[in-house]
Amino acid sequence: MLDNAPEGWKLESSRQVYDSYYLKVFEDRLDLGGADKLYIRGMRRDYSTIVPFSDDGKKILTIKSYRHLVDSYQVEVPSGYVDEGETPRQAAVRELEEETGYVAKKMVRVGSYTLDYSMFVQTGHVFAAYGLEKKGRLQLGNMEKIARIEFTPVEKIKGMLLKGAILNAANIVALYRAMHYDKERKSRSGQ
């Protein structure tokens, strides 16, 4: 596990102390060149976040969803966990349809990242979606309460990001990455 660690660092033992569908927690006993360290490490399920663009590229399909931990409705884009045996792209296709009722003719992977590599093992995958058609159906979980699904102008989203009106880090990263990708795509095609 420590193939690239500083010289003298060793993983002495690892013990799982919590296990659920969403989170596994481990206690790692490390030897840091003679110093003993108990390190708490969490593993969360990977997820995909989708930024769905309108045909003219001037709007993004957003949802306004209730979020329990901040006790408020938040503007965001579709996102969800990658299920067992599923690829990040398959999760993106599924989550877009489940949360909005839209399907995309084209789903482009624009990057991946980790939210916190100091404590959690988890990868977020970002996709830009194009060629949207409303032909799916919503399939929301019991914790998913969506008040509104609408196309929001990209310029308005940029303003919301700059003002801190979008709180979720996964959405912030996905929106910036996808908007950058879309801008580069347009400049390459001469739009």
N, C-alpha and C. Protein backbone atom coordinates (compact mmCIF):
# COMPACT_ATOMS: atom_id res chain seq x y z
N MET A 1 0.80 -1.21 0.00
CA MET A 1 0.00 0.00 0.00
C MET A 1 0.85 1.27 0.00
N LEU A 2 2.06 1.23 0.50
CA LEU A 2 2.90 2.42 0.57
C LEU A 2 4.06 2.32 -0.41
N ASP A 3 3.78 2.12 -1.67
CA ASP A 3 4.83 1.94 -2.68
C ASP A 3 5.67 3.20 -2.90
N ASN A 4 5.08 4.38 -2.68
CA ASN A 4 5.77 5.63 -2.97
C ASN A 4 6.02 6.48 -1.73
N ALA A 5 5.91 5.88 -0.57
CA ALA A 5 6.05 6.63 0.69
C ALA A 5 7.50 7.04 0.92
N PRO A 6 7.70 8.04 1.78
CA PRO A 6 9.08 8.41 2.14
C PRO A 6 9.82 7.22 2.75
N GLU A 7 11.12 7.24 2.63
CA GLU A 7 11.94 6.16 3.16
C GLU A 7 11.68 5.99 4.66
N GLY A 8 11.51 4.74 5.07
CA GLY A 8 11.29 4.43 6.47
C GLY A 8 9.82 4.35 6.88
N TRP A 9 8.91 4.79 6.02
CA TRP A 9 7.48 4.71 6.34
C TRP A 9 6.96 3.32 6.00
N LYS A 10 6.24 2.72 6.94
CA LYS A 10 5.69 1.38 6.71
C LYS A 10 4.27 1.31 7.27
N LEU A 11 3.44 0.54 6.60
CA LEU A 11 2.12 0.23 7.11
C LEU A 11 2.26 -1.03 7.95
N GLU A 12 2.10 -0.89 9.26
CA GLU A 12 2.25 -2.03 10.16
C GLU A 12 0.98 -2.89 10.17
N SER A 13 -0.20 -2.25 10.19
CA SER A 13 -1.46 -3.00 10.21
C SER A 13 -2.60 -2.08 9.77
N SER A 14 -3.69 -2.71 9.36
CA SER A 14 -4.89 -1.98 8.98
C SER A 14 -6.09 -2.78 9.48
N ARG A 15 -7.01 -2.09 10.14
CA ARG A 15 -8.18 -2.77 10.70
C ARG A 15 -9.43 -1.97 10.35
N GLN A 16 -10.42 -2.66 9.77
CA GLN A 16 -11.68 -2.01 9.45
C GLN A 16 -12.52 -1.89 10.73
N VAL A 17 -12.99 -0.65 11.03
CA VAL A 17 -13.74 -0.42 12.26
C VAL A 17 -15.20 -0.04 12.00
N TYR A 18 -15.55 0.23 10.75
CA TYR A 18 -16.93 0.55 10.40
C TYR A 18 -17.17 0.18 8.95
N ASP A 19 -18.39 -0.31 8.66
CA ASP A 19 -18.70 -0.72 7.28
C ASP A 19 -20.18 -0.48 7.00
N SER A 20 -20.46 0.31 5.97
CA SER A 20 -21.82 0.49 5.47
C SER A 20 -21.75 0.65 3.96
N TYR A 21 -22.88 0.74 3.34
CA TYR A 21 -22.93 0.91 1.88
C TYR A 21 -22.18 2.17 1.46
N TYR A 22 -22.28 3.24 2.25
CA TYR A 22 -21.73 4.53 1.87
C TYR A 22 -20.32 4.80 2.39
N LEU A 23 -19.93 4.13 3.45
CA LEU A 23 -18.67 4.47 4.10
C LEU A 23 -18.04 3.27 4.79
N LYS A 24 -16.75 3.12 4.60
CA LYS A 24 -15.94 2.15 5.34
C LYS A 24 -14.85 2.96 6.05
N VAL A 25 -14.59 2.62 7.31
CA VAL A 25 -13.58 3.34 8.07
C VAL A 25 -12.53 2.35 8.56
N PHE A 26 -11.26 2.74 8.42
CA PHE A 26 -10.13 1.88 8.80
C PHE A 26 -9.23 2.62 9.78
N GLU A 27 -8.59 1.87 10.67
CA GLU A 27 -7.51 2.37 11.50
C GLU A 27 -6.23 1.75 10.97
N ASP A 28 -5.37 2.59 10.46
CA ASP A 28 -4.07 2.14 9.97
C ASP A 28 -3.02 2.45 11.02
N ARG A 29 -2.19 1.48 11.33
CA ARG A 29 -1.07 1.68 12.24
C ARG A 29 0.15 1.87 11.34
N LEU A 30 0.77 3.05 11.41
CA LEU A 30 1.91 3.38 10.57
C LEU A 30 3.19 3.50 11.40
N ASP A 31 4.30 3.14 10.81
CA ASP A 31 5.62 3.40 11.37
C ASP A 31 6.22 4.48 10.48
N LEU A 32 6.37 5.67 11.02
CA LEU A 32 6.91 6.80 10.25
C LEU A 32 8.39 6.98 10.59
N GLY A 33 9.17 5.99 10.18
CA GLY A 33 10.61 6.04 10.44
C GLY A 33 10.93 6.00 11.92
N GLY A 34 10.21 5.16 12.67
CA GLY A 34 10.45 5.01 14.10
C GLY A 34 9.37 5.66 14.96
N ALA A 35 8.54 6.50 14.38
CA ALA A 35 7.44 7.13 15.13
C ALA A 35 6.15 6.38 14.80
N ASP A 36 5.44 5.97 15.85
CA ASP A 36 4.18 5.24 15.70
C ASP A 36 3.05 6.23 15.45
N LYS A 37 2.19 5.94 14.46
CA LYS A 37 1.08 6.83 14.12
C LYS A 37 -0.19 6.01 13.87
N LEU A 38 -1.28 6.36 14.56
CA LEU A 38 -2.60 5.78 14.26
C LEU A 38 -3.28 6.73 13.29
N TYR A 39 -3.64 6.23 12.12
CA TYR A 39 -4.21 7.05 11.05
C TYR A 39 -5.61 6.54 10.74
N ILE A 40 -6.59 7.42 10.78
CA ILE A 40 -7.97 7.05 10.45
C ILE A 40 -8.19 7.35 8.97
N ARG A 41 -8.66 6.33 8.25
CA ARG A 41 -8.86 6.43 6.80
C ARG A 41 -10.27 5.99 6.46
N GLY A 42 -10.96 6.81 5.67
CA GLY A 42 -12.29 6.46 5.21
C GLY A 42 -12.30 6.16 3.72
N MET A 43 -13.18 5.25 3.33
CA MET A 43 -13.39 4.96 1.91
C MET A 43 -14.86 5.20 1.61
N ARG A 44 -15.12 6.11 0.67
CA ARG A 44 -16.49 6.39 0.24
C ARG A 44 -16.64 5.92 -1.19
N ARG A 45 -17.88 5.66 -1.57
CA ARG A 45 -18.15 5.21 -2.94
C ARG A 45 -17.80 6.32 -3.93
N ASP A 46 -17.23 5.94 -5.07
CA ASP A 46 -16.97 6.90 -6.14
C ASP A 46 -18.31 7.40 -6.68
N TYR A 47 -18.28 8.52 -7.34
CA TYR A 47 -19.52 9.10 -7.88
C TYR A 47 -19.25 9.80 -9.20
N SER A 48 -20.33 10.05 -9.92
CA SER A 48 -20.28 10.78 -11.18
C SER A 48 -21.17 12.00 -11.08
N THR A 49 -20.68 13.13 -11.58
CA THR A 49 -21.44 14.37 -11.63
C THR A 49 -21.56 14.77 -13.09
N ILE A 50 -22.77 15.15 -13.50
CA ILE A 50 -23.05 15.42 -14.90
C ILE A 50 -23.44 16.88 -15.08
N VAL A 51 -22.82 17.56 -16.04
CA VAL A 51 -23.19 18.93 -16.39
C VAL A 51 -23.86 18.87 -17.76
N PRO A 52 -25.20 18.92 -17.79
CA PRO A 52 -25.95 18.78 -19.04
C PRO A 52 -26.18 20.14 -19.72
N PHE A 53 -25.64 20.29 -20.93
CA PHE A 53 -25.73 21.55 -21.66
C PHE A 53 -26.93 21.53 -22.62
N SER A 54 -27.57 22.69 -22.78
CA SER A 54 -28.63 22.85 -23.78
C SER A 54 -28.01 22.78 -25.17
N ASP A 55 -28.83 22.60 -26.19
CA ASP A 55 -28.32 22.47 -27.55
C ASP A 55 -27.51 23.69 -27.99
N ASP A 56 -27.90 24.89 -27.55
CA ASP A 56 -27.15 26.09 -27.94
C ASP A 56 -25.94 26.33 -27.03
N GLY A 57 -25.80 25.52 -25.97
CA GLY A 57 -24.66 25.64 -25.06
C GLY A 57 -24.71 26.83 -24.14
N LYS A 58 -25.82 27.57 -24.14
CA LYS A 58 -25.91 28.77 -23.32
C LYS A 58 -26.57 28.51 -21.97
N LYS A 59 -27.06 27.30 -21.77
CA LYS A 59 -27.72 26.96 -20.52
C LYS A 59 -27.28 25.58 -20.05
N ILE A 60 -27.43 25.37 -18.76
CA ILE A 60 -27.13 24.08 -18.13
C ILE A 60 -28.38 23.62 -17.40
N LEU A 61 -28.70 22.35 -17.56
CA LEU A 61 -29.85 21.77 -16.87
C LEU A 61 -29.49 21.59 -15.40
N THR A 62 -30.21 22.31 -14.53
CA THR A 62 -29.94 22.26 -13.09
C THR A 62 -31.15 21.71 -12.35
N ILE A 63 -30.89 21.28 -11.15
CA ILE A 63 -31.98 20.84 -10.27
C ILE A 63 -31.87 21.65 -8.97
N LYS A 64 -32.99 21.86 -8.35
CA LYS A 64 -33.01 22.49 -7.03
C LYS A 64 -33.49 21.42 -6.08
N SER A 65 -32.56 20.98 -5.24
CA SER A 65 -32.77 19.79 -4.41
C SER A 65 -32.62 20.12 -2.93
N TYR A 66 -33.48 19.52 -2.11
CA TYR A 66 -33.36 19.70 -0.67
C TYR A 66 -32.19 18.89 -0.15
N ARG A 67 -31.36 19.53 0.67
CA ARG A 67 -30.20 18.85 1.27
C ARG A 67 -30.31 18.93 2.79
N HIS A 68 -30.47 17.77 3.38
CA HIS A 68 -30.69 17.61 4.82
C HIS A 68 -29.60 18.28 5.66
N LEU A 69 -28.33 18.07 5.33
CA LEU A 69 -27.25 18.56 6.18
C LEU A 69 -27.15 20.07 6.26
N VAL A 70 -27.62 20.77 5.23
CA VAL A 70 -27.62 22.24 5.28
C VAL A 70 -29.04 22.78 5.42
N ASP A 71 -30.02 21.88 5.54
CA ASP A 71 -31.43 22.21 5.74
C ASP A 71 -31.91 23.31 4.80
N SER A 72 -31.61 23.12 3.51
CA SER A 72 -32.03 24.11 2.52
C SER A 72 -32.07 23.47 1.14
N TYR A 73 -32.74 24.16 0.23
CA TYR A 73 -32.76 23.74 -1.17
C TYR A 73 -31.55 24.35 -1.86
N GLN A 74 -30.84 23.54 -2.63
CA GLN A 74 -29.62 23.96 -3.28
C GLN A 74 -29.70 23.74 -4.79
N VAL A 75 -29.15 24.69 -5.55
CA VAL A 75 -29.04 24.54 -7.00
C VAL A 75 -27.82 23.67 -7.26
N GLU A 76 -28.02 22.63 -8.07
CA GLU A 76 -26.93 21.71 -8.38
C GLU A 76 -27.18 21.04 -9.71
N VAL A 77 -26.27 20.20 -10.12
CA VAL A 77 -26.43 19.38 -11.32
C VAL A 77 -26.53 17.93 -10.88
N PRO A 78 -27.04 17.05 -11.74
CA PRO A 78 -27.20 15.65 -11.35
C PRO A 78 -25.88 15.01 -10.93
N SER A 79 -25.96 14.16 -9.91
CA SER A 79 -24.78 13.49 -9.39
C SER A 79 -25.22 12.28 -8.60
N GLY A 80 -24.39 11.25 -8.58
CA GLY A 80 -24.72 10.08 -7.78
C GLY A 80 -23.60 9.07 -7.76
N TYR A 81 -23.75 8.12 -6.85
CA TYR A 81 -22.74 7.09 -6.65
C TYR A 81 -22.65 6.12 -7.83
N VAL A 82 -21.45 5.62 -8.03
CA VAL A 82 -21.21 4.56 -9.01
C VAL A 82 -21.55 3.26 -8.29
N ASP A 83 -22.55 2.55 -8.80
CA ASP A 83 -22.96 1.30 -8.18
C ASP A 83 -21.99 0.17 -8.49
N GLU A 84 -22.03 -0.87 -7.67
CA GLU A 84 -21.18 -2.05 -7.87
C GLU A 84 -21.36 -2.60 -9.28
N GLY A 85 -20.26 -2.84 -10.00
CA GLY A 85 -20.29 -3.40 -11.34
C GLY A 85 -20.61 -2.39 -12.43
N GLU A 86 -20.69 -1.12 -12.07
CA GLU A 86 -21.05 -0.05 -13.00
C GLU A 86 -19.81 0.79 -13.28
N THR A 87 -19.68 1.31 -14.50
CA THR A 87 -18.60 2.25 -14.80
C THR A 87 -19.06 3.66 -14.43
N PRO A 88 -18.12 4.59 -14.25
CA PRO A 88 -18.53 5.97 -14.00
C PRO A 88 -19.45 6.53 -15.10
N ARG A 89 -19.19 6.19 -16.36
CA ARG A 89 -20.03 6.65 -17.46
C ARG A 89 -21.45 6.07 -17.34
N GLN A 90 -21.56 4.79 -17.03
CA GLN A 90 -22.88 4.19 -16.85
C GLN A 90 -23.64 4.86 -15.70
N ALA A 91 -22.93 5.18 -14.64
CA ALA A 91 -23.55 5.89 -13.52
C ALA A 91 -24.03 7.27 -13.96
N ALA A 92 -23.23 7.95 -14.77
CA ALA A 92 -23.60 9.28 -15.26
C ALA A 92 -24.87 9.22 -16.10
N VAL A 93 -24.95 8.26 -17.00
CA VAL A 93 -26.14 8.09 -17.84
C VAL A 93 -27.36 7.82 -16.97
N ARG A 94 -27.22 6.91 -16.01
CA ARG A 94 -28.33 6.53 -15.12
C ARG A 94 -28.77 7.71 -14.25
N GLU A 95 -27.81 8.40 -13.63
CA GLU A 95 -28.14 9.50 -12.73
C GLU A 95 -28.80 10.66 -13.47
N LEU A 96 -28.35 10.98 -14.67
CA LEU A 96 -28.98 12.05 -15.44
C LEU A 96 -30.46 11.75 -15.65
N GLU A 97 -30.76 10.53 -16.07
CA GLU A 97 -32.15 10.16 -16.31
C GLU A 97 -32.95 10.11 -15.01
N GLU A 98 -32.40 9.47 -13.99
CA GLU A 98 -33.13 9.33 -12.72
C GLU A 98 -33.48 10.67 -12.08
N GLU A 99 -32.56 11.64 -12.16
CA GLU A 99 -32.77 12.91 -11.45
C GLU A 99 -33.44 13.99 -12.28
N THR A 100 -33.45 13.83 -13.63
CA THR A 100 -34.03 14.89 -14.47
C THR A 100 -35.07 14.39 -15.46
N GLY A 101 -35.06 13.11 -15.79
CA GLY A 101 -35.93 12.60 -16.85
C GLY A 101 -35.35 12.80 -18.24
N TYR A 102 -34.13 13.35 -18.32
CA TYR A 102 -33.48 13.58 -19.61
C TYR A 102 -32.46 12.48 -19.88
N VAL A 103 -32.26 12.21 -21.16
CA VAL A 103 -31.17 11.35 -21.61
C VAL A 103 -30.30 12.18 -22.55
N ALA A 104 -29.04 11.81 -22.69
CA ALA A 104 -28.10 12.55 -23.53
C ALA A 104 -27.64 11.69 -24.69
N LYS A 105 -27.55 12.30 -25.86
CA LYS A 105 -27.01 11.59 -27.02
C LYS A 105 -25.50 11.43 -26.90
N LYS A 106 -24.86 12.37 -26.17
CA LYS A 106 -23.41 12.34 -26.04
C LYS A 106 -23.03 12.65 -24.59
N MET A 107 -22.22 11.78 -24.00
CA MET A 107 -21.74 11.95 -22.63
C MET A 107 -20.21 11.94 -22.71
N VAL A 108 -19.57 13.05 -22.36
CA VAL A 108 -18.12 13.20 -22.49
C VAL A 108 -17.49 13.30 -21.11
N ARG A 109 -16.53 12.43 -20.84
CA ARG A 109 -15.80 12.49 -19.57
C ARG A 109 -14.80 13.65 -19.66
N VAL A 110 -14.88 14.57 -18.69
CA VAL A 110 -14.01 15.74 -18.73
C VAL A 110 -13.02 15.79 -17.57
N GLY A 111 -12.98 14.75 -16.76
CA GLY A 111 -11.98 14.70 -15.70
C GLY A 111 -12.44 13.93 -14.49
N SER A 112 -11.53 13.84 -13.55
CA SER A 112 -11.83 13.22 -12.26
C SER A 112 -10.97 13.90 -11.21
N TYR A 113 -11.32 13.71 -9.94
CA TYR A 113 -10.62 14.37 -8.85
C TYR A 113 -10.98 13.66 -7.55
N THR A 114 -10.31 14.05 -6.49
CA THR A 114 -10.65 13.58 -5.16
C THR A 114 -10.97 14.80 -4.31
N LEU A 115 -11.97 14.68 -3.46
CA LEU A 115 -12.36 15.81 -2.61
C LEU A 115 -11.41 16.00 -1.43
N ASP A 116 -10.88 14.89 -0.89
CA ASP A 116 -10.07 15.00 0.32
C ASP A 116 -9.12 13.81 0.39
N TYR A 117 -7.92 13.95 -0.15
CA TYR A 117 -6.99 12.82 -0.12
C TYR A 117 -6.20 12.75 1.18
N SER A 118 -6.54 13.58 2.14
CA SER A 118 -5.86 13.48 3.43
C SER A 118 -6.57 12.50 4.36
N MET A 119 -7.84 12.18 4.07
CA MET A 119 -8.58 11.29 4.95
C MET A 119 -9.46 10.28 4.21
N PHE A 120 -9.92 10.63 3.01
CA PHE A 120 -10.87 9.76 2.30
C PHE A 120 -10.32 9.27 0.97
N VAL A 121 -10.62 8.01 0.67
CA VAL A 121 -10.37 7.44 -0.63
C VAL A 121 -11.69 7.51 -1.37
N GLN A 122 -11.77 8.35 -2.39
CA GLN A 122 -12.98 8.52 -3.19
C GLN A 122 -12.64 9.34 -4.41
N THR A 123 -13.21 8.95 -5.56
CA THR A 123 -12.98 9.68 -6.80
C THR A 123 -14.30 10.20 -7.33
N GLY A 124 -14.30 11.47 -7.70
CA GLY A 124 -15.43 12.07 -8.38
C GLY A 124 -15.12 12.14 -9.87
N HIS A 125 -16.06 11.72 -10.68
CA HIS A 125 -15.91 11.73 -12.15
C HIS A 125 -16.83 12.79 -12.71
N VAL A 126 -16.33 13.60 -13.65
CA VAL A 126 -17.10 14.70 -14.22
C VAL A 126 -17.40 14.41 -15.69
N PHE A 127 -18.67 14.62 -16.05
CA PHE A 127 -19.12 14.42 -17.42
C PHE A 127 -19.87 15.65 -17.91
N ALA A 128 -19.69 15.99 -19.19
CA ALA A 128 -20.51 16.99 -19.87
C ALA A 128 -21.46 16.21 -20.76
N ALA A 129 -22.73 16.60 -20.73
CA ALA A 129 -23.75 15.89 -21.51
C ALA A 129 -24.31 16.83 -22.57
N TYR A 130 -24.52 16.26 -23.77
CA TYR A 130 -25.03 17.03 -24.91
C TYR A 130 -26.14 16.25 -25.60
N GLY A 131 -26.96 16.98 -26.37
CA GLY A 131 -28.04 16.35 -27.12
C GLY A 131 -29.12 15.81 -26.20
N LEU A 132 -29.60 16.66 -25.31
CA LEU A 132 -30.55 16.22 -24.30
C LEU A 132 -31.95 16.02 -24.89
N GLU A 133 -32.58 14.96 -24.45
CA GLU A 133 -33.96 14.67 -24.82
C GLU A 133 -34.72 14.27 -23.57
N LYS A 134 -35.92 14.84 -23.41
CA LYS A 134 -36.74 14.50 -22.24
C LYS A 134 -37.57 13.28 -22.62
N LYS A 135 -36.98 12.12 -22.42
CA LYS A 135 -37.71 10.90 -22.74
C LYS A 135 -37.53 9.81 -21.69
N GLY A 136 -36.85 10.16 -20.63
CA GLY A 136 -36.70 9.22 -19.52
C GLY A 136 -37.75 9.51 -18.47
N ARG A 137 -37.58 8.88 -17.31
CA ARG A 137 -38.50 9.18 -16.22
C ARG A 137 -37.73 9.30 -14.91
N LEU A 138 -38.24 10.19 -14.07
CA LEU A 138 -37.61 10.39 -12.76
C LEU A 138 -37.73 9.13 -11.92
N GLN A 139 -36.66 8.80 -11.23
CA GLN A 139 -36.64 7.67 -10.30
C GLN A 139 -35.83 8.12 -9.09
N LEU A 140 -36.49 8.84 -8.20
CA LEU A 140 -35.78 9.44 -7.07
C LEU A 140 -35.79 8.51 -5.86
N GLY A 141 -34.68 8.54 -5.11
CA GLY A 141 -34.59 7.81 -3.86
C GLY A 141 -35.37 8.56 -2.78
N ASN A 142 -35.53 7.95 -1.63
CA ASN A 142 -36.34 8.56 -0.58
C ASN A 142 -35.68 9.81 0.03
N MET A 143 -34.39 10.02 -0.15
CA MET A 143 -33.72 11.23 0.34
C MET A 143 -33.56 12.28 -0.77
N GLU A 144 -34.07 11.99 -1.95
CA GLU A 144 -33.96 12.94 -3.07
C GLU A 144 -35.29 13.68 -3.21
N LYS A 145 -35.28 14.94 -2.85
CA LYS A 145 -36.46 15.81 -2.95
C LYS A 145 -36.11 16.96 -3.87
N ILE A 146 -36.53 16.85 -5.12
CA ILE A 146 -36.21 17.86 -6.12
C ILE A 146 -37.41 18.77 -6.31
N ALA A 147 -37.19 20.07 -6.08
CA ALA A 147 -38.26 21.05 -6.18
C ALA A 147 -38.41 21.58 -7.61
N ARG A 148 -37.29 21.62 -8.35
CA ARG A 148 -37.35 22.23 -9.68
C ARG A 148 -36.25 21.67 -10.56
N ILE A 149 -36.58 21.45 -11.82
CA ILE A 149 -35.62 21.06 -12.85
C ILE A 149 -35.76 22.11 -13.95
N GLU A 150 -34.65 22.81 -14.27
CA GLU A 150 -34.76 23.87 -15.27
C GLU A 150 -33.42 24.12 -15.94
N PHE A 151 -33.48 24.75 -17.11
CA PHE A 151 -32.27 25.18 -17.78
C PHE A 151 -31.90 26.57 -17.25
N THR A 152 -30.70 26.68 -16.70
CA THR A 152 -30.21 27.91 -16.09
C THR A 152 -29.10 28.47 -16.99
N PRO A 153 -29.16 29.77 -17.31
CA PRO A 153 -28.10 30.35 -18.15
C PRO A 153 -26.71 30.15 -17.54
N VAL A 154 -25.75 29.82 -18.40
CA VAL A 154 -24.36 29.62 -17.96
C VAL A 154 -23.85 30.86 -17.25
N GLU A 155 -24.18 32.04 -17.76
CA GLU A 155 -23.71 33.28 -17.14
C GLU A 155 -24.25 33.42 -15.72
N LYS A 156 -25.49 33.00 -15.49
CA LYS A 156 -26.07 33.05 -14.14
C LYS A 156 -25.34 32.07 -13.22
N ILE A 157 -25.03 30.89 -13.74
CA ILE A 157 -24.30 29.89 -12.95
C ILE A 157 -22.91 30.41 -12.58
N LYS A 158 -22.23 31.06 -13.52
CA LYS A 158 -20.92 31.64 -13.22
C LYS A 158 -21.03 32.64 -12.08
N GLY A 159 -22.07 33.47 -12.11
CA GLY A 159 -22.29 34.44 -11.04
C GLY A 159 -22.56 33.76 -9.71
N MET A 160 -23.36 32.70 -9.73
CA MET A 160 -23.65 31.96 -8.50
C MET A 160 -22.38 31.35 -7.92
N LEU A 161 -21.52 30.82 -8.79
CA LEU A 161 -20.26 30.24 -8.33
C LEU A 161 -19.38 31.31 -7.68
N LEU A 162 -19.27 32.46 -8.32
CA LEU A 162 -18.42 33.54 -7.80
C LEU A 162 -18.94 34.10 -6.49
N LYS A 163 -20.27 34.10 -6.31
CA LYS A 163 -20.87 34.62 -5.08
C LYS A 163 -20.93 33.58 -3.96
N GLY A 164 -20.56 32.34 -4.26
CA GLY A 164 -20.63 31.28 -3.25
C GLY A 164 -22.03 30.76 -3.04
N ALA A 165 -22.92 30.95 -4.01
CA ALA A 165 -24.30 30.50 -3.88
C ALA A 165 -24.46 29.01 -4.17
N ILE A 166 -23.45 28.38 -4.74
CA ILE A 166 -23.44 26.93 -4.93
C ILE A 166 -22.46 26.39 -3.91
N LEU A 167 -22.96 25.58 -2.97
CA LEU A 167 -22.15 25.16 -1.82
C LEU A 167 -21.39 23.86 -2.01
N ASN A 168 -21.93 22.94 -2.78
CA ASN A 168 -21.39 21.60 -2.86
C ASN A 168 -20.12 21.56 -3.69
N ALA A 169 -19.04 21.07 -3.10
CA ALA A 169 -17.73 21.05 -3.77
C ALA A 169 -17.76 20.22 -5.05
N ALA A 170 -18.46 19.09 -5.05
CA ALA A 170 -18.53 18.25 -6.25
C ALA A 170 -19.17 19.03 -7.39
N ASN A 171 -20.20 19.79 -7.11
CA ASN A 171 -20.85 20.60 -8.13
C ASN A 171 -19.96 21.74 -8.59
N ILE A 172 -19.27 22.37 -7.67
CA ILE A 172 -18.37 23.47 -8.02
C ILE A 172 -17.29 22.98 -8.98
N VAL A 173 -16.63 21.89 -8.62
CA VAL A 173 -15.58 21.33 -9.47
C VAL A 173 -16.15 20.93 -10.83
N ALA A 174 -17.28 20.22 -10.82
CA ALA A 174 -17.88 19.74 -12.07
C ALA A 174 -18.27 20.90 -12.98
N LEU A 175 -18.90 21.92 -12.42
CA LEU A 175 -19.33 23.06 -13.25
C LEU A 175 -18.14 23.77 -13.86
N TYR A 176 -17.12 24.07 -13.07
CA TYR A 176 -15.94 24.74 -13.63
C TYR A 176 -15.26 23.88 -14.70
N ARG A 177 -15.08 22.60 -14.42
CA ARG A 177 -14.42 21.72 -15.39
C ARG A 177 -15.23 21.62 -16.68
N ALA A 178 -16.53 21.39 -16.55
CA ALA A 178 -17.37 21.20 -17.74
C ALA A 178 -17.50 22.50 -18.54
N MET A 179 -17.63 23.63 -17.86
CA MET A 179 -17.73 24.90 -18.59
C MET A 179 -16.42 25.19 -19.32
N HIS A 180 -15.30 24.88 -18.70
CA HIS A 180 -14.01 25.06 -19.37
C HIS A 180 -13.92 24.13 -20.60
N TYR A 181 -14.30 22.87 -20.41
CA TYR A 181 -14.29 21.93 -21.53
C TYR A 181 -15.18 22.45 -22.66
N ASP A 182 -16.38 22.91 -22.33
CA ASP A 182 -17.32 23.36 -23.36
C ASP A 182 -16.77 24.58 -24.10
N LYS A 183 -16.15 25.49 -23.37
CA LYS A 183 -15.55 26.67 -24.01
C LYS A 183 -14.44 26.25 -24.99
N GLU A 184 -13.58 25.33 -24.56
CA GLU A 184 -12.50 24.83 -25.43
C GLU A 184 -13.08 24.10 -26.65
N ARG A 185 -14.12 23.31 -26.43
CA ARG A 185 -14.77 22.56 -27.52
C ARG A 185 -15.31 23.53 -28.57
N LYS A 186 -15.93 24.60 -28.11
CA LYS A 186 -16.49 25.59 -29.03
C LYS A 186 -15.40 26.32 -29.79
N SER A 187 -14.31 26.65 -29.12
CA SER A 187 -13.22 27.37 -29.81
C SER A 187 -12.54 26.49 -30.85
N ARG A 188 -12.45 25.18 -30.58
CA ARG A 188 -11.88 24.25 -31.56
C ARG A 188 -12.76 24.11 -32.79
N SER A 189 -14.08 24.18 -32.58
CA SER A 189 -15.01 24.01 -33.70
C SER A 189 -15.38 25.33 -34.37
N GLY A 190 -14.86 26.44 -33.81
CA GLY A 190 -15.09 27.74 -34.42
C GLY A 190 -16.44 28.35 -34.08
N GLN A 191 -17.10 27.88 -33.04
CA GLN A 191 -18.40 28.45 -32.66
C GLN A 191 -18.26 29.74 -31.92
